Amino acid sequence: MDLTHDLLRTIPLFRSLDTASLDRIADAVKPVALKQGEALFRKGDEGNEMYIIEEGAVKIVLPSSVGEEIILTVLREPSFFGTMSMFDGQSRSADAVAMTASRLLVLERDAFIHILQEDEHALRTLLCDLSSMIRKTDDLLEGLCFFSISTRLAKCLLELAEKVSDGRDKPVEIDLTFTQKELGEMVGATRESVNRELKKLREEGIIQLNRGVITISDWESLEELAVPMDF
């Protein structure tokens, strides 16, 4: 339980809880393991739990009826997700699929609601998280409607780099846990289109490509590409 306790402390949602409350949550959560590519839940499934990533990566995916996907976000430890259905009691609005072998903790709805009733900070943190989710969806929709593939890809690479970067004074490596097809799903483009754009960025010296690792060599140029052009 000590390791679970330590993990919970790293999550903003639980950070303000006292030791006794944290102990109750640590006792209530249950572990679940996922293989790479395994679905945790599908759009339309009943949603009675929230999830905390202990190790690995999970993509939240909006599927289509013809088998295509748009990746809404990629989550890594120590992220949490699955809270929206806990609030409104509705079914899941997207798929959650493991991008790598992953370990998660599951917290059921009753325990989750009890936390929100007892801790105002946890409620505010959750509302901020939900607001951030809505903003990301708005940004994705805007990009799909109005931005070129090159702009969308540049924005996506910047977001991925900022998650692992300590600063912009040196090259930043993005260790890809996903395929070019999945990168395409993140920007709403085909694998072939993403591959062409990555090669252009490499030829221009903005990035380096090496066995599943993208290195951002020129932040400034990538940021310029991420700004949509006026026509």
C-alpha atoms as a PDB file:
ATOM      1  CA  MET A   1       0.000   0.000   0.000  1.00  0.00           C
ATOM      2  CA  ASP A   2       2.956   2.338   0.514  1.00  0.00           C
ATOM      3  CA  LEU A   3       3.685   2.455  -3.222  1.00  0.00           C
ATOM      4  CA  THR A   4       0.022   3.144  -3.972  1.00  0.00           C
ATOM      5  CA  HIS A   5       0.007   5.854  -1.313  1.00  0.00           C
ATOM      6  CA  ASP A   6       3.072   7.488  -2.889  1.00  0.00           C
ATOM      7  CA  LEU A   7       1.513   7.365  -6.358  1.00  0.00           C
ATOM      8  CA  LEU A   8      -1.716   8.971  -5.158  1.00  0.00           C
ATOM      9  CA  ARG A   9       0.299  11.806  -3.614  1.00  0.00           C
ATOM     10  CA  THR A  10       1.662  12.710  -7.061  1.00  0.00           C
ATOM     11  CA  ILE A  11      -1.826  13.266  -8.481  1.00  0.00           C
ATOM     12  CA  PRO A  12      -3.224  16.811  -8.090  1.00  0.00           C
ATOM     13  CA  LEU A  13      -6.713  15.439  -7.459  1.00  0.00           C
ATOM     14  CA  PHE A  14      -5.569  13.761  -4.227  1.00  0.00           C
ATOM     15  CA  ARG A  15      -2.679  15.989  -3.204  1.00  0.00           C
ATOM     16  CA  SER A  16      -4.598  17.979  -0.581  1.00  0.00           C
ATOM     17  CA  LEU A  17      -6.116  14.961   1.168  1.00  0.00           C
ATOM     18  CA  ASP A  18      -5.015  14.112   4.680  1.00  0.00           C
ATOM     19  CA  THR A  19      -3.272  10.834   5.431  1.00  0.00           C
ATOM     20  CA  ALA A  20      -6.413   9.095   6.679  1.00  0.00           C
ATOM     21  CA  SER A  21      -8.358   9.970   3.507  1.00  0.00           C
ATOM     22  CA  LEU A  22      -5.464   8.902   1.331  1.00  0.00           C
ATOM     23  CA  ASP A  23      -5.278   5.604   3.200  1.00  0.00           C
ATOM     24  CA  ARG A  24      -8.974   4.978   2.497  1.00  0.00           C
ATOM     25  CA  ILE A  25      -8.439   5.579  -1.212  1.00  0.00           C
ATOM     26  CA  ALA A  26      -5.350   3.365  -1.269  1.00  0.00           C
ATOM     27  CA  ASP A  27      -7.438   0.597   0.304  1.00  0.00           C
ATOM     28  CA  ALA A  28     -10.283   1.164  -2.179  1.00  0.00           C
ATOM     29  CA  VAL A  29      -8.358   1.138  -5.461  1.00  0.00           C
ATOM     30  CA  LYS A  30      -7.858  -2.070  -7.391  1.00  0.00           C
ATOM     31  CA  PRO A  31      -5.014  -2.824  -9.822  1.00  0.00           C
ATOM     32  CA  VAL A  32      -5.581  -3.691 -13.466  1.00  0.00           C
ATOM     33  CA  ALA A  33      -3.006  -4.630 -16.106  1.00  0.00           C
ATOM     34  CA  LEU A  34      -3.401  -4.023 -19.838  1.00  0.00           C
ATOM     35  CA  LYS A  35      -1.463  -5.422 -22.765  1.00  0.00           C
ATOM     36  CA  GLN A  36      -0.395  -3.136 -25.598  1.00  0.00           C
ATOM     37  CA  GLY A  37      -3.422  -2.506 -27.806  1.00  0.00           C
ATOM     38  CA  GLU A  38      -5.907  -3.790 -25.231  1.00  0.00           C
ATOM     39  CA  ALA A  39      -9.031  -1.691 -24.697  1.00  0.00           C
ATOM     40  CA  LEU A  40      -9.926  -0.655 -21.170  1.00  0.00           C
ATOM     41  CA  PHE A  41     -13.371   0.505 -22.252  1.00  0.00           C
ATOM     42  CA  ARG A  42     -15.207   1.391 -25.449  1.00  0.00           C
ATOM     43  CA  LYS A  43     -17.447   4.285 -26.397  1.00  0.00           C
ATOM     44  CA  GLY A  44     -20.941   3.517 -25.141  1.00  0.00           C
ATOM     45  CA  ASP A  45     -19.797   1.341 -22.235  1.00  0.00           C
ATOM     46  CA  GLU A  46     -21.170   2.015 -18.782  1.00  0.00           C
ATOM     47  CA  GLY A  47     -18.855   4.243 -16.770  1.00  0.00           C
ATOM     48  CA  ASN A  48     -18.675   3.519 -13.048  1.00  0.00           C
ATOM     49  CA  GLU A  49     -14.926   3.859 -12.416  1.00  0.00           C
ATOM     50  CA  MET A  50     -12.109   6.331 -12.803  1.00  0.00           C
ATOM     51  CA  TYR A  51      -8.572   5.237 -13.615  1.00  0.00           C
ATOM     52  CA  ILE A  52      -5.089   6.250 -12.496  1.00  0.00           C
ATOM     53  CA  ILE A  53      -2.097   5.331 -14.652  1.00  0.00           C
ATOM     54  CA  GLU A  54       0.616   3.761 -12.533  1.00  0.00           C
ATOM     55  CA  GLU A  55       2.827   2.854 -15.480  1.00  0.00           C
ATOM     56  CA  GLY A  56       2.473   2.998 -19.255  1.00  0.00           C
ATOM     57  CA  ALA A  57       0.458   5.054 -21.729  1.00  0.00           C
ATOM     58  CA  VAL A  58      -3.239   5.111 -22.636  1.00  0.00           C
ATOM     59  CA  LYS A  59      -4.806   6.827 -25.627  1.00  0.00           C
ATOM     60  CA  ILE A  60      -8.306   8.268 -25.526  1.00  0.00           C
ATOM     61  CA  VAL A  61      -9.769   7.625 -28.947  1.00  0.00           C
ATOM     62  CA  LEU A  62     -12.852   8.780 -30.823  1.00  0.00           C
ATOM     63  CA  PRO A  63     -13.756   5.919 -33.190  1.00  0.00           C
ATOM     64  CA  SER A  64     -15.756   6.127 -36.407  1.00  0.00           C
ATOM     65  CA  SER A  65     -18.210   3.668 -37.922  1.00  0.00           C
ATOM     66  CA  VAL A  66     -15.768   2.914 -40.769  1.00  0.00           C
ATOM     67  CA  GLY A  67     -12.871   1.954 -38.514  1.00  0.00           C
ATOM     68  CA  GLU A  68     -10.938   5.226 -38.519  1.00  0.00           C
ATOM     69  CA  GLU A  69      -9.891   6.930 -35.296  1.00  0.00           C
ATOM     70  CA  ILE A  70      -9.003  10.334 -33.936  1.00  0.00           C
ATOM     71  CA  ILE A  71      -6.775  10.322 -30.864  1.00  0.00           C
ATOM     72  CA  LEU A  72      -8.075  12.967 -28.478  1.00  0.00           C
ATOM     73  CA  THR A  73      -5.157  12.703 -26.074  1.00  0.00           C
ATOM     74  CA  VAL A  74      -2.372  10.418 -24.876  1.00  0.00           C
ATOM     75  CA  LEU A  75      -2.045   9.991 -21.107  1.00  0.00           C
ATOM     76  CA  ARG A  76       0.936   8.748 -19.112  1.00  0.00           C
ATOM     77  CA  GLU A  77       1.648   8.200 -15.441  1.00  0.00           C
ATOM     78  CA  PRO A  78       0.566   9.680 -13.121  1.00  0.00           C
ATOM     79  CA  SER A  79      -2.493  10.875 -15.087  1.00  0.00           C
ATOM     80  CA  PHE A  80      -6.091  10.058 -14.220  1.00  0.00           C
ATOM     81  CA  PHE A  81      -9.091   9.749 -16.549  1.00  0.00           C
ATOM     82  CA  GLY A  82     -12.625   8.420 -16.854  1.00  0.00           C
ATOM     83  CA  THR A  83     -14.144  11.047 -14.571  1.00  0.00           C
ATOM     84  CA  MET A  84     -16.730  12.529 -16.933  1.00  0.00           C
ATOM     85  CA  SER A  85     -19.050   9.516 -16.789  1.00  0.00           C
ATOM     86  CA  MET A  86     -18.666   9.503 -13.008  1.00  0.00           C
ATOM     87  CA  PHE A  87     -20.229  12.951 -12.887  1.00  0.00           C
ATOM     88  CA  ASP A  88     -23.209  12.609 -15.213  1.00  0.00           C
ATOM     89  CA  GLY A  89     -23.822   8.862 -15.099  1.00  0.00           C
ATOM     90  CA  GLN A  90     -23.765   8.659 -18.896  1.00  0.00           C
ATOM     91  CA  SER A  91     -21.938   6.073 -20.978  1.00  0.00           C
ATOM     92  CA  ARG A  92     -18.327   6.454 -22.066  1.00  0.00           C
ATOM     93  CA  SER A  93     -17.868   9.087 -24.782  1.00  0.00           C
ATOM     94  CA  ALA A  94     -14.669   7.583 -26.251  1.00  0.00           C
ATOM     95  CA  ASP A  95     -12.455   4.498 -26.237  1.00  0.00           C
ATOM     96  CA  ALA A  96      -9.499   4.059 -23.873  1.00  0.00           C
ATOM     97  CA  VAL A  97      -6.766   1.817 -25.307  1.00  0.00           C
ATOM     98  CA  ALA A  98      -3.330   0.934 -23.941  1.00  0.00           C
ATOM     99  CA  MET A  99      -0.540   2.187 -26.217  1.00  0.00           C
ATOM    100  CA  THR A 100       2.016   0.199 -24.233  1.00  0.00           C
ATOM    101  CA  ALA A 101       1.783  -2.498 -21.601  1.00  0.00           C
ATOM    102  CA  SER A 102       0.250  -0.545 -18.726  1.00  0.00           C
ATOM    103  CA  ARG A 103      -0.658  -0.824 -15.056  1.00  0.00           C
ATOM    104  CA  LEU A 104      -3.584   1.165 -13.696  1.00  0.00           C
ATOM    105  CA  LEU A 105      -5.500   1.663 -10.480  1.00  0.00           C
ATOM    106  CA  VAL A 106      -9.303   1.633 -10.526  1.00  0.00           C
ATOM    107  CA  LEU A 107     -11.461   3.712  -8.185  1.00  0.00           C
ATOM    108  CA  GLU A 108     -15.213   3.082  -8.132  1.00  0.00           C
ATOM    109  CA  ARG A 109     -17.792   5.849  -8.367  1.00  0.00           C
ATOM    110  CA  ASP A 110     -19.011   5.828  -4.740  1.00  0.00           C
ATOM    111  CA  ALA A 111     -15.501   6.342  -3.353  1.00  0.00           C
ATOM    112  CA  PHE A 112     -14.817   8.998  -5.982  1.00  0.00           C
ATOM    113  CA  ILE A 113     -17.973  10.984  -5.166  1.00  0.00           C
ATOM    114  CA  HIS A 114     -17.168  10.762  -1.461  1.00  0.00           C
ATOM    115  CA  ILE A 115     -13.793  12.413  -2.110  1.00  0.00           C
ATOM    116  CA  LEU A 116     -15.429  15.307  -3.946  1.00  0.00           C
ATOM    117  CA  GLN A 117     -17.971  15.795  -1.164  1.00  0.00           C
ATOM    118  CA  GLU A 118     -15.268  15.857   1.485  1.00  0.00           C
ATOM    119  CA  ASP A 119     -12.552  17.883  -0.240  1.00  0.00           C
ATOM    120  CA  GLU A 120     -13.185  21.203  -1.988  1.00  0.00           C
ATOM    121  CA  HIS A 121      -9.676  21.298  -3.468  1.00  0.00           C
ATOM    122  CA  ALA A 122     -10.211  17.922  -5.142  1.00  0.00           C
ATOM    123  CA  LEU A 123     -13.448  19.201  -6.680  1.00  0.00           C
ATOM    124  CA  ARG A 124     -11.737  22.330  -8.027  1.00  0.00           C
ATOM    125  CA  THR A 125      -8.897  20.235  -9.441  1.00  0.00           C
ATOM    126  CA  LEU A 126     -11.348  17.949 -11.200  1.00  0.00           C
ATOM    127  CA  LEU A 127     -13.275  20.892 -12.674  1.00  0.00           C
ATOM    128  CA  CYS A 128     -10.003  22.330 -13.990  1.00  0.00           C
ATOM    129  CA  ASP A 129      -9.172  18.953 -15.522  1.00  0.00           C
ATOM    130  CA  LEU A 130     -12.566  18.740 -17.225  1.00  0.00           C
ATOM    131  CA  SER A 131     -12.194  22.314 -18.494  1.00  0.00           C
ATOM    132  CA  SER A 132      -8.775  21.460 -19.902  1.00  0.00           C
ATOM    133  CA  MET A 133     -10.266  18.439 -21.645  1.00  0.00           C
ATOM    134  CA  ILE A 134     -12.933  20.606 -23.290  1.00  0.00           C
ATOM    135  CA  ARG A 135     -10.325  23.146 -24.420  1.00  0.00           C
ATOM    136  CA  LYS A 136      -8.186  20.396 -25.953  1.00  0.00           C
ATOM    137  CA  THR A 137     -11.215  19.085 -27.832  1.00  0.00           C
ATOM    138  CA  ASP A 138     -11.988  22.605 -29.065  1.00  0.00           C
ATOM    139  CA  ASP A 139      -8.376  23.004 -30.232  1.00  0.00           C
ATOM    140  CA  LEU A 140      -8.510  19.657 -32.020  1.00  0.00           C
ATOM    141  CA  LEU A 141     -11.751  20.568 -33.785  1.00  0.00           C
ATOM    142  CA  GLU A 142     -10.348  23.962 -34.801  1.00  0.00           C
ATOM    143  CA  GLY A 143      -7.237  22.311 -36.201  1.00  0.00           C
ATOM    144  CA  LEU A 144      -9.161  19.724 -38.201  1.00  0.00           C
ATOM    145  CA  CYS A 145     -11.417  22.399 -39.677  1.00  0.00           C
ATOM    146  CA  PHE A 146      -8.991  25.221 -40.394  1.00  0.00           C
ATOM    147  CA  PHE A 147      -5.307  24.207 -40.112  1.00  0.00           C
ATOM    148  CA  SER A 148      -3.034  22.468 -42.606  1.00  0.00           C
ATOM    149  CA  ILE A 149      -1.486  19.095 -41.825  1.00  0.00           C
ATOM    150  CA  SER A 150       1.925  20.720 -41.356  1.00  0.00           C
ATOM    151  CA  THR A 151       0.505  23.154 -38.791  1.00  0.00           C
ATOM    152  CA  ARG A 152      -1.353  20.408 -36.928  1.00  0.00           C
ATOM    153  CA  LEU A 153       1.732  18.192 -36.848  1.00  0.00           C
ATOM    154  CA  ALA A 154       3.950  21.032 -35.611  1.00  0.00           C
ATOM    155  CA  LYS A 155       1.488  21.816 -32.807  1.00  0.00           C
ATOM    156  CA  CYS A 156       1.309  18.139 -31.854  1.00  0.00           C
ATOM    157  CA  LEU A 157       5.100  17.752 -31.747  1.00  0.00           C
ATOM    158  CA  LEU A 158       5.423  20.862 -29.589  1.00  0.00           C
ATOM    159  CA  GLU A 159       2.830  19.537 -27.133  1.00  0.00           C
ATOM    160  CA  LEU A 160       4.592  16.168 -26.922  1.00  0.00           C
ATOM    161  CA  ALA A 161       7.986  17.833 -26.473  1.00  0.00           C
ATOM    162  CA  GLU A 162       6.767  20.180 -23.748  1.00  0.00           C
ATOM    163  CA  LYS A 163       5.674  17.183 -21.667  1.00  0.00           C
ATOM    164  CA  VAL A 164       9.236  15.858 -21.492  1.00  0.00           C
ATOM    165  CA  SER A 165      11.268  19.062 -21.788  1.00  0.00           C
ATOM    166  CA  ASP A 166      13.112  20.877 -19.021  1.00  0.00           C
ATOM    167  CA  GLY A 167      13.735  23.846 -21.289  1.00  0.00           C
ATOM    168  CA  ARG A 168      14.278  24.914 -24.867  1.00  0.00           C
ATOM    169  CA  ASP A 169      17.988  25.616 -24.712  1.00  0.00           C
ATOM    170  CA  LYS A 170      18.879  22.132 -25.962  1.00  0.00           C
ATOM    171  CA  PRO A 171      17.418  19.473 -28.295  1.00  0.00           C
ATOM    172  CA  VAL A 172      14.488  17.520 -26.861  1.00  0.00           C
ATOM    173  CA  GLU A 173      13.899  13.845 -27.572  1.00  0.00           C
ATOM    174  CA  ILE A 174      10.365  12.499 -27.954  1.00  0.00           C
ATOM    175  CA  ASP A 175      10.488   8.747 -27.422  1.00  0.00           C
ATOM    176  CA  LEU A 176       7.552   7.561 -29.495  1.00  0.00           C
ATOM    177  CA  THR A 177       5.394   4.944 -27.825  1.00  0.00           C
ATOM    178  CA  PHE A 178       3.115   5.040 -30.850  1.00  0.00           C
ATOM    179  CA  THR A 179       3.318   4.408 -34.577  1.00  0.00           C
ATOM    180  CA  GLN A 180       3.221   6.951 -37.388  1.00  0.00           C
ATOM    181  CA  LYS A 181      -0.348   5.789 -37.999  1.00  0.00           C
ATOM    182  CA  GLU A 182      -1.235   6.730 -34.423  1.00  0.00           C
ATOM    183  CA  LEU A 183       0.606  10.033 -34.798  1.00  0.00           C
ATOM    184  CA  GLY A 184      -1.572  10.606 -37.849  1.00  0.00           C
ATOM    185  CA  GLU A 185      -4.660   9.866 -35.772  1.00  0.00           C
ATOM    186  CA  MET A 186      -3.517  12.520 -33.304  1.00  0.00           C
ATOM    187  CA  VAL A 187      -3.431  15.182 -36.029  1.00  0.00           C
ATOM    188  CA  GLY A 188      -6.267  13.875 -38.199  1.00  0.00           C
ATOM    189  CA  ALA A 189      -4.116  12.757 -41.142  1.00  0.00           C
ATOM    190  CA  THR A 190      -3.030   9.566 -42.862  1.00  0.00           C
ATOM    191  CA  ARG A 191       0.210   7.795 -42.012  1.00  0.00           C
ATOM    192  CA  GLU A 192       1.547   8.633 -45.473  1.00  0.00           C
ATOM    193  CA  SER A 193       0.835  12.352 -45.025  1.00  0.00           C
ATOM    194  CA  VAL A 194       2.513  12.413 -41.614  1.00  0.00           C
ATOM    195  CA  ASN A 195       5.529  10.555 -42.992  1.00  0.00           C
ATOM    196  CA  ARG A 196       5.931  13.151 -45.764  1.00  0.00           C
ATOM    197  CA  GLU A 197       5.687  16.037 -43.297  1.00  0.00           C
ATOM    198  CA  LEU A 198       8.209  14.442 -40.927  1.00  0.00           C
ATOM    199  CA  LYS A 199      10.671  14.026 -43.786  1.00  0.00           C
ATOM    200  CA  LYS A 200      10.238  17.707 -44.695  1.00  0.00           C
ATOM    201  CA  LEU A 201      10.946  18.736 -41.115  1.00  0.00           C
ATOM    202  CA  ARG A 202      14.036  16.544 -41.078  1.00  0.00           C
ATOM    203  CA  GLU A 203      15.304  17.955 -44.386  1.00  0.00           C
ATOM    204  CA  GLU A 204      14.858  21.486 -43.027  1.00  0.00           C
ATOM    205  CA  GLY A 205      16.881  20.606 -39.925  1.00  0.00           C
ATOM    206  CA  ILE A 206      13.965  21.201 -37.561  1.00  0.00           C
ATOM    207  CA  ILE A 207      13.833  17.624 -36.282  1.00  0.00           C
ATOM    208  CA  GLN A 208      15.906  14.454 -36.347  1.00  0.00           C
ATOM    209  CA  LEU A 209      14.422  10.976 -36.825  1.00  0.00           C
ATOM    210  CA  ASN A 210      16.104   7.911 -35.382  1.00  0.00           C
ATOM    211  CA  ARG A 211      14.452   4.560 -34.581  1.00  0.00           C
ATOM    212  CA  GLY A 212      11.266   5.711 -32.933  1.00  0.00           C
ATOM    213  CA  VAL A 213      12.752   8.885 -31.479  1.00  0.00           C
ATOM    214  CA  ILE A 214      11.985  12.376 -32.758  1.00  0.00           C
ATOM    215  CA  THR A 215      14.474  15.012 -31.639  1.00  0.00           C
ATOM    216  CA  ILE A 216      13.379  18.653 -31.761  1.00  0.00           C
ATOM    217  CA  SER A 217      16.477  20.511 -32.936  1.00  0.00           C
ATOM    218  CA  ASP A 218      14.934  23.888 -33.796  1.00  0.00           C
ATOM    219  CA  TRP A 219      12.160  24.966 -31.412  1.00  0.00           C
ATOM    220  CA  GLU A 220      11.758  28.402 -32.977  1.00  0.00           C
ATOM    221  CA  SER A 221      11.150  27.116 -36.494  1.00  0.00           C
ATOM    222  CA  LEU A 222       8.724  24.481 -35.230  1.00  0.00           C
ATOM    223  CA  GLU A 223       6.804  27.141 -33.308  1.00  0.00           C
ATOM    224  CA  GLU A 224       6.583  29.250 -36.471  1.00  0.00           C
ATOM    225  CA  LEU A 225       5.116  26.287 -38.345  1.00  0.00           C
ATOM    226  CA  ALA A 226       2.583  25.760 -35.552  1.00  0.00           C
ATOM    227  CA  VAL A 227       1.095  29.205 -36.206  1.00  0.00           C
ATOM    228  CA  PRO A 228      -1.567  28.932 -38.943  1.00  0.00           C
ATOM    229  CA  MET A 229      -0.955  31.046 -42.037  1.00  0.00           C
ATOM    230  CA  ASP A 230      -3.361  33.804 -42.991  1.00  0.00           C
ATOM    231  CA  PHE A 231      -4.772  33.621 -46.480  1.00  0.00           C
END
